[in-house]
Each structure stands twice: as C-alpha cells, then as structure tokens.
C-alpha cells in the first residue's frame, strides 16, 4: 500500500471527522471508502452515458416510450405479488 498526503480545508476535515464518528469508523477508513465510492462512480459513468445515448437513438428511431408512472405502478405491484397489467408503449 502506498501513502498519499491530502491537504484538506479545516472545515472539510471537521466534517469528515464528524461523519466518520457517526458511522463508527476512523476518519482514515471513512476517506478510503469515500474515495473508492467516487472512483467506482467515475468508472461506471461512461457506460451509463453510452446506454443513455443508445436509448435516445432508439427513441428517435422507433418513437416508442413508456409512461414512467405506469411503469412504476407496474413494478410496485409486481414486487408485492399483485397481478399487474404491463404498461403499453406509446408513440411519441
């Protein structure tokens, strides 16, 4: 493991200490987890953007979309074991 020094503004350092204590962790462990989480997000972001662009192209090509409220209701019903009517795609 290598050592890296970070210069933190005093206000941020205090916030980290408070948050780490509340989570029952050392400030070091808290910062390691925070850095790992942000790195994972940054690594996943390109795939997310690519998927969004593909979806945008599909909508432009086919013009079919689903009403978000209908989709959410359908999923909630399915999750609780209720019979659910599948939402229908509508043309833009």
Protein backbone atom coordinates (compact mmCIF):
# COMPACT_ATOMS: atom_id res chain seq x y z
CA UNK A 1 0.00 0.00 0.00
CA UNK A 2 1.34 3.45 -0.83
CA UNK A 3 1.00 6.64 1.17
CA UNK A 4 -0.68 9.74 -0.21
CA UNK A 5 -0.96 13.05 1.60
CA UNK A 6 -4.05 15.19 1.20
CA UNK A 7 -4.30 18.80 2.26
CA UNK A 8 -7.85 19.28 3.49
CA UNK A 9 -9.53 22.55 4.37
CA UNK A 10 -10.15 22.63 8.14
CA UNK A 11 -13.92 22.77 7.68
CA UNK A 12 -13.91 19.65 5.48
CA UNK A 13 -11.63 17.81 7.87
CA UNK A 14 -14.03 18.51 10.74
CA UNK A 15 -16.98 17.32 8.66
CA UNK A 16 -15.12 14.11 7.81
CA UNK A 17 -14.28 13.50 11.46
CA UNK A 18 -17.93 14.02 12.48
CA UNK A 19 -19.28 11.82 9.69
CA UNK A 20 -16.74 9.09 10.43
CA UNK A 21 -17.58 9.11 14.14
CA UNK A 22 -21.31 8.90 13.33
CA UNK A 23 -20.59 5.91 11.09
CA UNK A 24 -18.40 4.26 13.74
CA UNK A 25 -15.31 4.47 11.57
CA UNK A 26 -11.95 6.13 11.70
CA UNK A 27 -11.54 9.22 9.51
CA UNK A 28 -8.96 7.24 7.50
CA UNK A 29 -11.39 4.37 6.81
CA UNK A 30 -14.14 6.86 6.00
CA UNK A 31 -11.96 8.66 3.45
CA UNK A 32 -10.80 5.38 1.87
CA UNK A 33 -14.44 4.31 1.43
CA UNK A 34 -15.39 7.73 0.03
CA UNK A 35 -12.54 7.66 -2.48
CA UNK A 36 -13.38 4.09 -3.50
CA UNK A 37 -17.07 5.00 -3.98
CA UNK A 38 -16.27 8.06 -6.10
CA UNK A 39 -13.79 6.07 -8.18
CA UNK A 40 -16.40 3.37 -8.82
CA UNK A 41 -18.91 6.03 -9.90
CA UNK A 42 -16.40 7.61 -12.25
CA UNK A 43 -15.59 4.21 -13.75
CA UNK A 44 -19.29 3.38 -14.32
CA UNK A 45 -20.26 6.81 -15.68
CA UNK A 46 -19.06 6.22 -19.30
CA UNK A 47 -21.19 3.06 -19.60
CA UNK A 48 -24.19 4.92 -18.16
CA UNK A 49 -23.78 7.77 -20.63
CA UNK A 50 -23.37 5.32 -23.52
CA UNK A 51 -26.55 3.45 -22.52
CA UNK A 52 -28.44 6.75 -22.33
CA UNK A 53 -27.23 7.73 -25.79
CA UNK A 54 -28.29 4.36 -27.23
CA UNK A 55 -31.71 4.73 -25.59
CA UNK A 56 -32.04 8.23 -27.03
CA UNK A 57 -31.21 6.88 -30.50
CA UNK A 58 -33.77 4.08 -30.13
CA UNK A 59 -36.48 6.55 -29.14
CA UNK A 60 -35.57 8.75 -32.09
CA UNK A 61 -35.63 5.74 -34.42
CA UNK A 62 -38.77 3.96 -33.18
CA UNK A 63 -40.59 6.73 -31.32
CA UNK A 64 -41.85 4.34 -28.61
CA UNK A 65 -41.84 5.33 -24.95
CA UNK A 66 -43.46 4.22 -21.69
CA UNK A 67 -45.21 6.44 -19.17
CA UNK A 68 -43.00 6.47 -16.07
CA UNK A 69 -45.94 6.47 -13.63
CA UNK A 70 -47.39 3.37 -15.32
CA UNK A 71 -44.02 1.61 -15.22
CA UNK A 72 -43.50 2.44 -11.53
CA UNK A 73 -47.02 1.25 -10.65
CA UNK A 74 -46.46 -1.97 -12.59
CA UNK A 75 -43.15 -2.64 -10.83
CA UNK A 76 -44.58 -1.88 -7.38
CA UNK A 77 -47.50 -4.25 -7.98
CA UNK A 78 -45.14 -6.99 -9.19
CA UNK A 79 -42.90 -6.54 -6.16
CA UNK A 80 -45.77 -7.09 -3.73
CA UNK A 81 -47.07 -10.06 -5.71
CA UNK A 82 -50.13 -8.36 -7.16
CA UNK A 83 -51.34 -9.14 -10.64
CA UNK A 84 -50.20 -6.28 -12.80
CA UNK A 85 -51.09 -5.08 -16.27
CA UNK A 86 -47.98 -4.42 -18.31
CA UNK A 87 -47.62 -0.83 -19.45
CA UNK A 88 -48.02 -0.23 -23.17
CA UNK A 89 -45.52 1.61 -25.30
CA UNK A 90 -46.89 4.74 -26.91
CA UNK A 91 -45.65 6.53 -29.99
CA UNK A 92 -44.17 9.99 -29.47
